[in-house]
């Protein structure tokens, strides 16, 4: 699997194929950008995680960082 970018309508969503587990990992920030049309999806996701944790929601505690290529071409840590 070599496709690293997935298209969702007109938006790009970064993705990585995990050959060991045979599954795709997607950038949560990119998904948030598509779903919310937020100007700053990173800030939106950060605030959403903060609010969910404050409510005791356990879904965000298992998010691990994954390095993906950013718009500037550098590998940056993102939530998977």
PDB file of N, CA and C in Angstrom:
ATOM      1  N   UNK A   1       0.848  -1.180   0.000  1.00  0.00           N
ATOM      2  CA  UNK A   1       0.000   0.000   0.000  1.00  0.00           C
ATOM      3  C   UNK A   1       0.892   1.241   0.000  1.00  0.00           C
ATOM      4  N   UNK A   2       0.764   2.040  -1.021  1.00  0.00           N
ATOM      5  CA  UNK A   2       1.635   3.200  -1.124  1.00  0.00           C
ATOM      6  C   UNK A   2       0.898   4.526  -1.011  1.00  0.00           C
ATOM      7  N   UNK A   3      -0.424   4.551  -1.099  1.00  0.00           N
ATOM      8  CA  UNK A   3      -1.172   5.796  -0.991  1.00  0.00           C
ATOM      9  C   UNK A   3      -1.018   6.381   0.399  1.00  0.00           C
ATOM     10  N   UNK A   4      -0.459   7.573   0.499  1.00  0.00           N
ATOM     11  CA  UNK A   4      -0.275   8.219   1.793  1.00  0.00           C
ATOM     12  C   UNK A   4      -1.322   9.296   2.037  1.00  0.00           C
ATOM     13  N   UNK A   5      -1.965   9.756   0.970  1.00  0.00           N
ATOM     14  CA  UNK A   5      -2.977  10.808   1.078  1.00  0.00           C
ATOM     15  C   UNK A   5      -4.302  10.249   0.569  1.00  0.00           C
ATOM     16  N   UNK A   6      -5.342  10.452   1.332  1.00  0.00           N
ATOM     17  CA  UNK A   6      -6.687  10.041   0.929  1.00  0.00           C
ATOM     18  C   UNK A   6      -7.485  11.308   0.659  1.00  0.00           C
ATOM     19  N   UNK A   7      -8.334  11.250  -0.326  1.00  0.00           N
ATOM     20  CA  UNK A   7      -9.177  12.400  -0.625  1.00  0.00           C
ATOM     21  C   UNK A   7     -10.556  12.189  -0.032  1.00  0.00           C
ATOM     22  N   UNK A   8     -11.028  13.194   0.635  1.00  0.00           N
ATOM     23  CA  UNK A   8     -12.368  13.187   1.189  1.00  0.00           C
ATOM     24  C   UNK A   8     -13.041  14.417   0.614  1.00  0.00           C
ATOM     25  N   UNK A   9     -13.835  14.198  -0.408  1.00  0.00           N
ATOM     26  CA  UNK A   9     -14.419  15.302  -1.155  1.00  0.00           C
ATOM     27  C   UNK A   9     -13.264  16.084  -1.764  1.00  0.00           C
ATOM     28  N   UNK A  10     -13.044  17.321  -1.365  1.00  0.00           N
ATOM     29  CA  UNK A  10     -11.931  18.099  -1.904  1.00  0.00           C
ATOM     30  C   UNK A  10     -10.801  18.268  -0.897  1.00  0.00           C
ATOM     31  N   UNK A  11     -10.911  17.629   0.249  1.00  0.00           N
ATOM     32  CA  UNK A  11      -9.901  17.756   1.299  1.00  0.00           C
ATOM     33  C   UNK A  11      -8.931  16.576   1.257  1.00  0.00           C
ATOM     34  N   UNK A  12      -7.713  16.828   1.673  1.00  0.00           N
ATOM     35  CA  UNK A  12      -6.729  15.764   1.789  1.00  0.00           C
ATOM     36  C   UNK A  12      -6.690  15.273   3.231  1.00  0.00           C
ATOM     37  N   UNK A  13      -6.608  13.961   3.390  1.00  0.00           N
ATOM     38  CA  UNK A  13      -6.502  13.351   4.711  1.00  0.00           C
ATOM     39  C   UNK A  13      -5.262  12.460   4.697  1.00  0.00           C
ATOM     40  N   UNK A  14      -4.308  12.781   5.575  1.00  0.00           N
ATOM     41  CA  UNK A  14      -3.082  11.983   5.630  1.00  0.00           C
ATOM     42  C   UNK A  14      -3.370  10.608   6.221  1.00  0.00           C
ATOM     43  N   UNK A  15      -2.710   9.606   5.647  1.00  0.00           N
ATOM     44  CA  UNK A  15      -2.932   8.228   6.080  1.00  0.00           C
ATOM     45  C   UNK A  15      -1.629   7.443   5.991  1.00  0.00           C
ATOM     46  N   UNK A  16      -1.501   6.448   6.852  1.00  0.00           N
ATOM     47  CA  UNK A  16      -0.346   5.545   6.857  1.00  0.00           C
ATOM     48  C   UNK A  16      -0.852   4.118   6.918  1.00  0.00           C
ATOM     49  N   UNK A  17      -0.300   3.247   6.110  1.00  0.00           N
ATOM     50  CA  UNK A  17      -0.653   1.837   6.115  1.00  0.00           C
ATOM     51  C   UNK A  17       0.272   1.105   7.083  1.00  0.00           C
ATOM     52  N   UNK A  18      -0.282   0.370   8.031  1.00  0.00           N
ATOM     53  CA  UNK A  18       0.469  -0.437   8.995  1.00  0.00           C
ATOM     54  C   UNK A  18       0.499  -1.871   8.470  1.00  0.00           C
ATOM     55  N   UNK A  19       1.629  -2.266   7.910  1.00  0.00           N
ATOM     56  CA  UNK A  19       1.728  -3.599   7.308  1.00  0.00           C
ATOM     57  C   UNK A  19       1.673  -4.707   8.351  1.00  0.00           C
ATOM     58  N   UNK A  20       2.162  -4.444   9.550  1.00  0.00           N
ATOM     59  CA  UNK A  20       2.144  -5.465  10.606  1.00  0.00           C
ATOM     60  C   UNK A  20       0.716  -5.830  11.016  1.00  0.00           C
ATOM     61  N   UNK A  21      -0.131  -4.819  11.134  1.00  0.00           N
ATOM     62  CA  UNK A  21      -1.511  -5.039  11.586  1.00  0.00           C
ATOM     63  C   UNK A  21      -2.523  -4.988  10.443  1.00  0.00           C
ATOM     64  N   UNK A  22      -2.036  -4.692   9.245  1.00  0.00           N
ATOM     65  CA  UNK A  22      -2.868  -4.607   8.049  1.00  0.00           C
ATOM     66  C   UNK A  22      -4.086  -3.691   8.234  1.00  0.00           C
ATOM     67  N   UNK A  23      -3.780  -2.446   8.609  1.00  0.00           N
ATOM     68  CA  UNK A  23      -4.845  -1.463   8.746  1.00  0.00           C
ATOM     69  C   UNK A  23      -4.299  -0.058   8.496  1.00  0.00           C
ATOM     70  N   UNK A  24      -5.205   0.841   8.192  1.00  0.00           N
ATOM     71  CA  UNK A  24      -4.857   2.234   7.945  1.00  0.00           C
ATOM     72  C   UNK A  24      -4.936   3.041   9.234  1.00  0.00           C
ATOM     73  N   UNK A  25      -4.053   4.033   9.356  1.00  0.00           N
ATOM     74  CA  UNK A  25      -4.114   5.047  10.408  1.00  0.00           C
ATOM     75  C   UNK A  25      -4.333   6.376   9.714  1.00  0.00           C
ATOM     76  N   UNK A  26      -5.257   7.176  10.227  1.00  0.00           N
ATOM     77  CA  UNK A  26      -5.579   8.465   9.631  1.00  0.00           C
ATOM     78  C   UNK A  26      -5.296   9.582  10.625  1.00  0.00           C
ATOM     79  N   UNK A  27      -4.976  10.741  10.120  1.00  0.00           N
ATOM     80  CA  UNK A  27      -4.735  11.905  10.957  1.00  0.00           C
ATOM     81  C   UNK A  27      -6.065  12.449  11.470  1.00  0.00           C
ATOM     82  N   UNK A  28      -6.227  12.463  12.785  1.00  0.00           N
ATOM     83  CA  UNK A  28      -7.455  12.972  13.400  1.00  0.00           C
ATOM     84  C   UNK A  28      -7.631  14.454  13.072  1.00  0.00           C
ATOM     85  N   UNK A  29      -6.543  15.188  13.064  1.00  0.00           N
ATOM     86  CA  UNK A  29      -6.626  16.620  12.772  1.00  0.00           C
ATOM     87  C   UNK A  29      -7.173  16.839  11.362  1.00  0.00           C
ATOM     88  N   UNK A  30      -6.753  16.026  10.411  1.00  0.00           N
ATOM     89  CA  UNK A  30      -7.262  16.156   9.044  1.00  0.00           C
ATOM     90  C   UNK A  30      -8.746  15.810   8.984  1.00  0.00           C
ATOM     91  N   UNK A  31      -9.159  14.795   9.724  1.00  0.00           N
ATOM     92  CA  UNK A  31     -10.575  14.413   9.766  1.00  0.00           C
ATOM     93  C   UNK A  31     -11.403  15.538  10.398  1.00  0.00           C
ATOM     94  N   UNK A  32     -10.887  16.118  11.490  1.00  0.00           N
ATOM     95  CA  UNK A  32     -11.575  17.244  12.147  1.00  0.00           C
ATOM     96  C   UNK A  32     -11.713  18.408  11.170  1.00  0.00           C
ATOM     97  N   UNK A  33     -10.681  18.671  10.391  1.00  0.00           N
ATOM     98  CA  UNK A  33     -10.734  19.765   9.411  1.00  0.00           C
ATOM     99  C   UNK A  33     -11.843  19.526   8.389  1.00  0.00           C
ATOM    100  N   UNK A  34     -11.984  18.290   7.942  1.00  0.00           N
ATOM    101  CA  UNK A  34     -13.021  17.959   6.962  1.00  0.00           C
ATOM    102  C   UNK A  34     -14.411  18.104   7.574  1.00  0.00           C
ATOM    103  N   UNK A  35     -14.585  17.564   8.772  1.00  0.00           N
ATOM    104  CA  UNK A  35     -15.915  17.536   9.387  1.00  0.00           C
ATOM    105  C   UNK A  35     -16.385  18.882   9.912  1.00  0.00           C
ATOM    106  N   UNK A  36     -15.461  19.701  10.387  1.00  0.00           N
ATOM    107  CA  UNK A  36     -15.855  20.968  11.019  1.00  0.00           C
ATOM    108  C   UNK A  36     -15.630  22.189  10.136  1.00  0.00           C
ATOM    109  N   UNK A  37     -14.820  22.039   9.101  1.00  0.00           N
ATOM    110  CA  UNK A  37     -14.424  23.166   8.255  1.00  0.00           C
ATOM    111  C   UNK A  37     -13.800  24.279   9.089  1.00  0.00           C
ATOM    112  N   UNK A  38     -13.114  23.894  10.149  1.00  0.00           N
ATOM    113  CA  UNK A  38     -12.468  24.838  11.057  1.00  0.00           C
ATOM    114  C   UNK A  38     -11.270  25.501  10.375  1.00  0.00           C
ATOM    115  N   UNK A  39     -11.041  26.763  10.709  1.00  0.00           N
ATOM    116  CA  UNK A  39      -9.889  27.491  10.191  1.00  0.00           C
ATOM    117  C   UNK A  39      -8.599  26.909  10.785  1.00  0.00           C
ATOM    118  N   UNK A  40      -8.648  26.496  12.043  1.00  0.00           N
ATOM    119  CA  UNK A  40      -7.487  25.919  12.724  1.00  0.00           C
ATOM    120  C   UNK A  40      -7.900  24.582  13.346  1.00  0.00           C
ATOM    121  N   UNK A  41      -7.826  23.532  12.548  1.00  0.00           N
ATOM    122  CA  UNK A  41      -8.276  22.211  12.992  1.00  0.00           C
ATOM    123  C   UNK A  41      -7.438  21.676  14.154  1.00  0.00           C
ATOM    124  N   UNK A  42      -6.170  22.031  14.216  1.00  0.00           N
ATOM    125  CA  UNK A  42      -5.313  21.579  15.316  1.00  0.00           C
ATOM    126  C   UNK A  42      -5.806  22.155  16.639  1.00  0.00           C
ATOM    127  N   UNK A  43      -6.097  23.452  16.660  1.00  0.00           N
ATOM    128  CA  UNK A  43      -6.613  24.092  17.875  1.00  0.00           C
ATOM    129  C   UNK A  43      -7.990  23.538  18.230  1.00  0.00           C
ATOM    130  N   UNK A  44      -8.820  23.299  17.223  1.00  0.00           N
ATOM    131  CA  UNK A  44     -10.157  22.735  17.439  1.00  0.00           C
ATOM    132  C   UNK A  44     -10.041  21.367  18.100  1.00  0.00           C
ATOM    133  N   UNK A  45      -9.167  20.494  17.580  1.00  0.00           N
ATOM    134  CA  UNK A  45      -8.989  19.149  18.132  1.00  0.00           C
ATOM    135  C   UNK A  45      -8.422  19.214  19.552  1.00  0.00           C
ATOM    136  N   UNK A  46      -7.454  20.093  19.777  1.00  0.00           N
ATOM    137  CA  UNK A  46      -6.855  20.242  21.106  1.00  0.00           C
ATOM    138  C   UNK A  46      -7.915  20.644  22.133  1.00  0.00           C
ATOM    139  N   UNK A  47      -8.766  21.622  21.777  1.00  0.00           N
ATOM    140  CA  UNK A  47      -9.821  22.086  22.684  1.00  0.00           C
ATOM    141  C   UNK A  47     -10.880  21.005  22.900  1.00  0.00           C
ATOM    142  N   UNK A  48     -11.237  20.288  21.831  1.00  0.00           N
ATOM    143  CA  UNK A  48     -12.210  19.205  21.944  1.00  0.00           C
ATOM    144  C   UNK A  48     -11.700  18.104  22.870  1.00  0.00           C
ATOM    145  N   UNK A  49     -10.421  17.718  22.723  1.00  0.00           N
ATOM    146  CA  UNK A  49      -9.830  16.704  23.619  1.00  0.00           C
ATOM    147  C   UNK A  49      -9.872  17.167  25.062  1.00  0.00           C
ATOM    148  N   UNK A  50      -9.541  18.447  25.276  1.00  0.00           N
ATOM    149  CA  UNK A  50      -9.546  19.012  26.625  1.00  0.00           C
ATOM    150  C   UNK A  50     -10.946  18.926  27.240  1.00  0.00           C
ATOM    151  N   UNK A  51     -11.952  19.291  26.475  1.00  0.00           N
ATOM    152  CA  UNK A  51     -13.335  19.266  26.974  1.00  0.00           C
ATOM    153  C   UNK A  51     -13.804  17.830  27.236  1.00  0.00           C
ATOM    154  N   UNK A  52     -13.482  16.917  26.338  1.00  0.00           N
ATOM    155  CA  UNK A  52     -13.880  15.523  26.518  1.00  0.00           C
ATOM    156  C   UNK A  52     -13.226  14.906  27.755  1.00  0.00           C
ATOM    157  N   UNK A  53     -11.942  15.200  27.962  1.00  0.00           N
ATOM    158  CA  UNK A  53     -11.251  14.681  29.146  1.00  0.00           C
ATOM    159  C   UNK A  53     -11.868  15.248  30.417  1.00  0.00           C
ATOM    160  N   UNK A  54     -12.233  16.537  30.400  1.00  0.00           N
ATOM    161  CA  UNK A  54     -12.858  17.171  31.564  1.00  0.00           C
ATOM    162  C   UNK A  54     -14.202  16.531  31.889  1.00  0.00           C
ATOM    163  N   UNK A  55     -14.893  16.021  30.864  1.00  0.00           N
ATOM    164  CA  UNK A  55     -16.178  15.344  31.066  1.00  0.00           C
ATOM    165  C   UNK A  55     -15.995  13.884  31.473  1.00  0.00           C
ATOM    166  N   UNK A  56     -14.748  13.427  31.499  1.00  0.00           N
ATOM    167  CA  UNK A  56     -14.484  12.042  31.867  1.00  0.00           C
ATOM    168  C   UNK A  56     -14.589  11.068  30.708  1.00  0.00           C
ATOM    169  N   UNK A  57     -14.608  11.578  29.489  1.00  0.00           N
ATOM    170  CA  UNK A  57     -14.690  10.726  28.303  1.00  0.00           C
ATOM    171  C   UNK A  57     -13.375   9.983  28.119  1.00  0.00           C
ATOM    172  N   UNK A  58     -13.449   8.686  27.970  1.00  0.00           N
ATOM    173  CA  UNK A  58     -12.245   7.860  27.865  1.00  0.00           C
ATOM    174  C   UNK A  58     -11.762   7.662  26.432  1.00  0.00           C
ATOM    175  N   UNK A  59     -12.515   8.107  25.445  1.00  0.00           N
ATOM    176  CA  UNK A  59     -12.133   7.833  24.058  1.00  0.00           C
ATOM    177  C   UNK A  59     -10.860   8.533  23.627  1.00  0.00           C
ATOM    178  N   UNK A  60     -10.542   9.670  24.211  1.00  0.00           N
ATOM    179  CA  UNK A  60      -9.361  10.409  23.782  1.00  0.00           C
ATOM    180  C   UNK A  60      -8.104  10.038  24.552  1.00  0.00           C
ATOM    181  N   UNK A  61      -8.220   9.274  25.611  1.00  0.00           N
ATOM    182  CA  UNK A  61      -7.028   8.946  26.395  1.00  0.00           C
ATOM    183  C   UNK A  61      -6.127   7.957  25.679  1.00  0.00           C
ATOM    184  N   UNK A  62      -6.669   7.210  24.720  1.00  0.00           N
ATOM    185  CA  UNK A  62      -5.882   6.213  24.011  1.00  0.00           C
ATOM    186  C   UNK A  62      -5.230   6.717  22.741  1.00  0.00           C
ATOM    187  N   UNK A  63      -5.280   8.026  22.470  1.00  0.00           N
ATOM    188  CA  UNK A  63      -4.672   8.564  21.261  1.00  0.00           C
ATOM    189  C   UNK A  63      -3.160   8.633  21.411  1.00  0.00           C
ATOM    190  N   UNK A  64      -2.479   8.102  20.437  1.00  0.00           N
ATOM    191  CA  UNK A  64      -1.020   8.115  20.445  1.00  0.00           C
ATOM    192  C   UNK A  64      -0.525   8.969  19.291  1.00  0.00           C
ATOM    193  N   UNK A  65       0.600   9.592  19.485  1.00  0.00           N
ATOM    194  CA  UNK A  65       1.182  10.402  18.430  1.00  0.00           C
ATOM    195  C   UNK A  65       1.746   9.543  17.312  1.00  0.00           C
ATOM    196  N   UNK A  66       1.638  10.020  16.107  1.00  0.00           N
ATOM    197  CA  UNK A  66       2.152   9.335  14.935  1.00  0.00           C
ATOM    198  C   UNK A  66       2.761  10.402  14.038  1.00  0.00           C
ATOM    199  N   UNK A  67       3.990  10.181  13.581  1.00  0.00           N
ATOM    200  CA  UNK A  67       4.613  11.165  12.701  1.00  0.00           C
ATOM    201  C   UNK A  67       4.070  11.007  11.294  1.00  0.00           C
ATOM    202  N   UNK A  68       3.582  12.133  10.766  1.00  0.00           N
ATOM    203  CA  UNK A  68       3.085  12.184   9.396  1.00  0.00           C
ATOM    204  C   UNK A  68       3.642  13.438   8.749  1.00  0.00           C
ATOM    205  N   UNK A  69       3.700  13.414   7.428  1.00  0.00           N
ATOM    206  CA  UNK A  69       4.234  14.549   6.709  1.00  0.00           C
ATOM    207  C   UNK A  69       3.273  15.732   6.791  1.00  0.00           C
ATOM    208  N   UNK A  70       3.795  16.865   7.214  1.00  0.00           N
ATOM    209  CA  UNK A  70       3.007  18.093   7.334  1.00  0.00           C
ATOM    210  C   UNK A  70       3.024  18.852   6.005  1.00  0.00           C
ATOM    211  N   UNK A  71       2.264  19.921   5.938  1.00  0.00           N
ATOM    212  CA  UNK A  71       2.182  20.725   4.718  1.00  0.00           C
ATOM    213  C   UNK A  71       3.537  21.288   4.301  1.00  0.00           C
ATOM    214  N   UNK A  72       4.420  21.509   5.286  1.00  0.00           N
ATOM    215  CA  UNK A  72       5.753  22.048   4.973  1.00  0.00           C
ATOM    216  C   UNK A  72       6.748  20.954   4.554  1.00  0.00           C
ATOM    217  N   UNK A  73       6.275  19.700   4.470  1.00  0.00           N
ATOM    218  CA  UNK A  73       7.130  18.587   4.035  1.00  0.00           C
ATOM    219  C   UNK A  73       7.867  17.879   5.156  1.00  0.00           C
ATOM    220  N   UNK A  74       7.812  18.426   6.364  1.00  0.00           N
ATOM    221  CA  UNK A  74       8.512  17.819   7.500  1.00  0.00           C
ATOM    222  C   UNK A  74       7.625  16.780   8.181  1.00  0.00           C
ATOM    223  N   UNK A  75       8.258  15.808   8.824  1.00  0.00           N
ATOM    224  CA  UNK A  75       7.540  14.799   9.600  1.00  0.00           C
ATOM    225  C   UNK A  75       7.219  15.395  10.962  1.00  0.00           C
ATOM    226  N   UNK A  76       5.939  15.498  11.275  1.00  0.00           N
ATOM    227  CA  UNK A  76       5.515  16.083  12.553  1.00  0.00           C
ATOM    228  C   UNK A  76       4.585  15.125  13.271  1.00  0.00           C
ATOM    229  N   UNK A  77       4.616  15.188  14.596  1.00  0.00           N
ATOM    230  CA  UNK A  77       3.771  14.334  15.422  1.00  0.00           C
ATOM    231  C   UNK A  77       2.323  14.798  15.334  1.00  0.00           C
ATOM    232  N   UNK A  78       1.421  13.851  15.107  1.00  0.00           N
ATOM    233  CA  UNK A  78      -0.011  14.142  15.033  1.00  0.00           C
ATOM    234  C   UNK A  78      -0.754  13.041  15.774  1.00  0.00           C
ATOM    235  N   UNK A  79      -1.982  13.294  16.136  1.00  0.00           N
ATOM    236  CA  UNK A  79      -2.796  12.243  16.749  1.00  0.00           C
ATOM    237  C   UNK A  79      -3.270  11.313  15.660  1.00  0.00           C
ATOM    238  N   UNK A  80      -3.297  10.027  15.986  1.00  0.00           N
ATOM    239  CA  UNK A  80      -3.773   9.044  15.005  1.00  0.00           C
ATOM    240  C   UNK A  80      -5.227   8.761  15.231  1.00  0.00           C
TER     241      UNK A  80
END
